[in-house]
Amino acid sequence: MESRDWKNIRTPAFRYLLYDDDRELLWDLEKDPSESRNVAGDPKYQKILADHRKLMLSRLLKAERPLARTWPY
């Protein structure tokens, strides 16, 4: 899911949101299904945050790949 100034991804247990001003939000959906506590700054979640950053980057890079040529010149 995305908007003009943010993008987010959801995995089974977490939702990660990144704003264009570099703010990050991470919600633990198993412990907080209403997404009321941002755990991005919690040291216990740093590995999970890093994993979601990598996942976001990977998906963005895949989305920007040029389409394969399927037409003759």
N, C-alpha and C. Protein backbone atom coordinates (compact mmCIF):
# COMPACT_ATOMS: atom_id res chain seq x y z
N MET A 1 0.85 -1.16 0.00
CA MET A 1 0.00 0.00 0.00
C MET A 1 0.90 1.23 0.00
N GLU A 2 0.43 2.28 -0.67
CA GLU A 2 1.23 3.49 -0.70
C GLU A 2 0.35 4.71 -0.88
N SER A 3 0.93 5.85 -0.61
CA SER A 3 0.29 7.14 -0.82
C SER A 3 1.36 8.06 -1.39
N ARG A 4 1.01 9.29 -1.54
CA ARG A 4 1.96 10.24 -2.12
C ARG A 4 3.22 10.41 -1.28
N ASP A 5 3.06 10.48 0.04
CA ASP A 5 4.24 10.71 0.88
C ASP A 5 4.59 9.56 1.81
N TRP A 6 4.04 8.39 1.61
CA TRP A 6 4.44 7.24 2.41
C TRP A 6 4.18 5.94 1.65
N LYS A 7 4.89 4.91 2.11
CA LYS A 7 4.69 3.55 1.59
C LYS A 7 4.71 2.62 2.80
N ASN A 8 3.99 1.53 2.68
CA ASN A 8 4.02 0.58 3.78
C ASN A 8 3.91 -0.84 3.25
N ILE A 9 4.40 -1.76 4.06
CA ILE A 9 4.27 -3.18 3.76
C ILE A 9 3.73 -3.87 5.01
N ARG A 10 3.05 -4.97 4.76
CA ARG A 10 2.51 -5.74 5.87
C ARG A 10 2.95 -7.18 5.71
N THR A 11 3.47 -7.72 6.78
CA THR A 11 3.80 -9.13 6.84
C THR A 11 2.80 -9.75 7.80
N PRO A 12 2.79 -11.06 7.96
CA PRO A 12 1.78 -11.65 8.86
C PRO A 12 1.79 -11.08 10.28
N ALA A 13 2.95 -10.72 10.79
CA ALA A 13 3.03 -10.28 12.18
C ALA A 13 3.29 -8.79 12.37
N PHE A 14 3.67 -8.07 11.30
CA PHE A 14 4.05 -6.67 11.45
C PHE A 14 3.55 -5.82 10.29
N ARG A 15 3.44 -4.52 10.56
CA ARG A 15 3.19 -3.54 9.52
C ARG A 15 4.26 -2.46 9.66
N TYR A 16 4.91 -2.14 8.54
CA TYR A 16 6.00 -1.16 8.51
C TYR A 16 5.59 -0.04 7.57
N LEU A 17 5.75 1.20 8.02
CA LEU A 17 5.38 2.36 7.23
C LEU A 17 6.56 3.33 7.21
N LEU A 18 6.88 3.83 6.01
CA LEU A 18 7.98 4.76 5.83
C LEU A 18 7.46 6.01 5.14
N TYR A 19 7.66 7.16 5.77
CA TYR A 19 7.28 8.45 5.19
C TYR A 19 8.42 9.01 4.36
N ASP A 20 8.10 9.91 3.45
CA ASP A 20 9.15 10.51 2.61
C ASP A 20 10.08 11.44 3.39
N ASP A 21 9.75 11.77 4.62
CA ASP A 21 10.65 12.57 5.46
C ASP A 21 11.48 11.67 6.39
N ASP A 22 11.54 10.36 6.08
CA ASP A 22 12.33 9.35 6.79
C ASP A 22 11.75 8.88 8.12
N ARG A 23 10.55 9.33 8.48
CA ARG A 23 9.92 8.78 9.69
C ARG A 23 9.53 7.34 9.42
N GLU A 24 9.70 6.50 10.43
CA GLU A 24 9.35 5.09 10.32
C GLU A 24 8.39 4.69 11.44
N LEU A 25 7.47 3.84 11.09
CA LEU A 25 6.55 3.27 12.06
C LEU A 25 6.57 1.76 11.89
N LEU A 26 6.52 1.05 13.00
CA LEU A 26 6.46 -0.40 12.98
C LEU A 26 5.47 -0.83 14.05
N TRP A 27 4.51 -1.65 13.64
CA TRP A 27 3.52 -2.15 14.58
C TRP A 27 3.64 -3.66 14.68
N ASP A 28 3.60 -4.17 15.89
CA ASP A 28 3.56 -5.60 16.16
C ASP A 28 2.09 -6.00 16.17
N LEU A 29 1.62 -6.56 15.08
CA LEU A 29 0.20 -6.85 14.92
C LEU A 29 -0.30 -7.97 15.82
N GLU A 30 0.60 -8.83 16.27
CA GLU A 30 0.17 -9.90 17.18
C GLU A 30 -0.09 -9.36 18.58
N LYS A 31 0.74 -8.43 19.03
CA LYS A 31 0.57 -7.86 20.37
C LYS A 31 -0.32 -6.62 20.36
N ASP A 32 -0.41 -5.96 19.21
CA ASP A 32 -1.13 -4.69 19.11
C ASP A 32 -1.90 -4.63 17.78
N PRO A 33 -2.98 -5.40 17.65
CA PRO A 33 -3.71 -5.43 16.38
C PRO A 33 -4.36 -4.10 16.00
N SER A 34 -4.55 -3.21 16.96
CA SER A 34 -5.15 -1.90 16.65
C SER A 34 -4.11 -0.88 16.22
N GLU A 35 -2.84 -1.28 16.15
CA GLU A 35 -1.74 -0.43 15.70
C GLU A 35 -1.67 0.89 16.48
N SER A 36 -1.68 0.78 17.78
CA SER A 36 -1.65 1.99 18.62
C SER A 36 -0.26 2.28 19.19
N ARG A 37 0.67 1.31 19.12
CA ARG A 37 2.01 1.51 19.68
C ARG A 37 3.07 1.30 18.61
N ASN A 38 3.75 2.37 18.26
CA ASN A 38 4.86 2.31 17.31
C ASN A 38 6.08 1.74 18.03
N VAL A 39 6.57 0.60 17.55
CA VAL A 39 7.72 -0.04 18.21
C VAL A 39 9.02 0.16 17.42
N ALA A 40 9.03 1.05 16.44
CA ALA A 40 10.22 1.27 15.63
C ALA A 40 11.42 1.72 16.46
N GLY A 41 11.20 2.43 17.54
CA GLY A 41 12.29 2.91 18.38
C GLY A 41 12.65 1.97 19.52
N ASP A 42 11.95 0.86 19.65
CA ASP A 42 12.19 -0.10 20.73
C ASP A 42 13.38 -0.98 20.37
N PRO A 43 14.42 -1.01 21.21
CA PRO A 43 15.61 -1.82 20.90
C PRO A 43 15.30 -3.30 20.66
N LYS A 44 14.25 -3.84 21.27
CA LYS A 44 13.90 -5.25 21.08
C LYS A 44 13.46 -5.53 19.65
N TYR A 45 13.05 -4.52 18.91
CA TYR A 45 12.52 -4.70 17.56
C TYR A 45 13.49 -4.26 16.46
N GLN A 46 14.73 -3.97 16.81
CA GLN A 46 15.66 -3.44 15.81
C GLN A 46 15.95 -4.43 14.67
N LYS A 47 16.06 -5.70 14.97
CA LYS A 47 16.29 -6.71 13.92
C LYS A 47 15.07 -6.81 13.01
N ILE A 48 13.90 -6.79 13.58
CA ILE A 48 12.66 -6.85 12.80
C ILE A 48 12.52 -5.60 11.95
N LEU A 49 12.85 -4.45 12.51
CA LEU A 49 12.82 -3.19 11.76
C LEU A 49 13.78 -3.26 10.58
N ALA A 50 15.00 -3.73 10.81
CA ALA A 50 15.98 -3.86 9.73
C ALA A 50 15.49 -4.82 8.65
N ASP A 51 14.87 -5.92 9.05
CA ASP A 51 14.32 -6.87 8.08
C ASP A 51 13.24 -6.24 7.22
N HIS A 52 12.39 -5.42 7.82
CA HIS A 52 11.32 -4.77 7.07
C HIS A 52 11.84 -3.65 6.16
N ARG A 53 12.89 -2.97 6.59
CA ARG A 53 13.54 -2.00 5.71
C ARG A 53 14.06 -2.70 4.46
N LYS A 54 14.72 -3.82 4.66
CA LYS A 54 15.27 -4.59 3.54
C LYS A 54 14.15 -5.09 2.63
N LEU A 55 13.08 -5.58 3.22
CA LEU A 55 11.94 -6.05 2.43
C LEU A 55 11.33 -4.91 1.61
N MET A 56 11.19 -3.74 2.21
CA MET A 56 10.65 -2.58 1.50
C MET A 56 11.56 -2.21 0.34
N LEU A 57 12.85 -2.13 0.59
CA LEU A 57 13.80 -1.78 -0.47
C LEU A 57 13.75 -2.79 -1.61
N SER A 58 13.72 -4.06 -1.26
CA SER A 58 13.66 -5.11 -2.27
C SER A 58 12.41 -4.98 -3.14
N ARG A 59 11.27 -4.75 -2.52
CA ARG A 59 10.02 -4.61 -3.28
C ARG A 59 10.02 -3.36 -4.15
N LEU A 60 10.58 -2.28 -3.65
CA LEU A 60 10.64 -1.05 -4.46
C LEU A 60 11.56 -1.24 -5.66
N LEU A 61 12.69 -1.90 -5.46
CA LEU A 61 13.61 -2.15 -6.57
C LEU A 61 12.96 -3.06 -7.62
N LYS A 62 12.25 -4.07 -7.18
CA LYS A 62 11.56 -4.95 -8.13
C LYS A 62 10.49 -4.19 -8.91
N ALA A 63 9.79 -3.30 -8.25
CA ALA A 63 8.72 -2.55 -8.91
C ALA A 63 9.27 -1.58 -9.95
N GLU A 64 10.50 -1.14 -9.79
CA GLU A 64 11.09 -0.18 -10.72
C GLU A 64 11.85 -0.82 -11.86
N ARG A 65 11.93 -2.14 -11.88
CA ARG A 65 12.63 -2.80 -12.98
C ARG A 65 11.91 -2.51 -14.30
N PRO A 66 12.67 -2.29 -15.35
CA PRO A 66 12.03 -2.08 -16.65
C PRO A 66 11.28 -3.34 -17.07
N LEU A 67 10.18 -3.14 -17.77
CA LEU A 67 9.41 -4.26 -18.28
C LEU A 67 10.18 -4.92 -19.42
N ALA A 68 10.02 -6.20 -19.55
CA ALA A 68 10.66 -6.92 -20.65
C ALA A 68 10.01 -6.50 -21.97
N ARG A 69 10.81 -6.41 -23.01
CA ARG A 69 10.27 -6.07 -24.33
C ARG A 69 9.47 -7.24 -24.86
N THR A 70 8.26 -6.98 -25.22
CA THR A 70 7.40 -8.04 -25.73
C THR A 70 6.88 -7.69 -27.13
N TRP A 71 7.40 -6.62 -27.70
CA TRP A 71 6.95 -6.20 -29.02
C TRP A 71 8.14 -6.17 -30.00
N PRO A 72 7.91 -6.47 -31.26
CA PRO A 72 9.00 -6.41 -32.24
C PRO A 72 9.21 -4.96 -32.68
N TYR A 73 10.45 -4.67 -33.04
CA TYR A 73 10.73 -3.34 -33.58
C TYR A 73 10.64 -3.36 -35.08
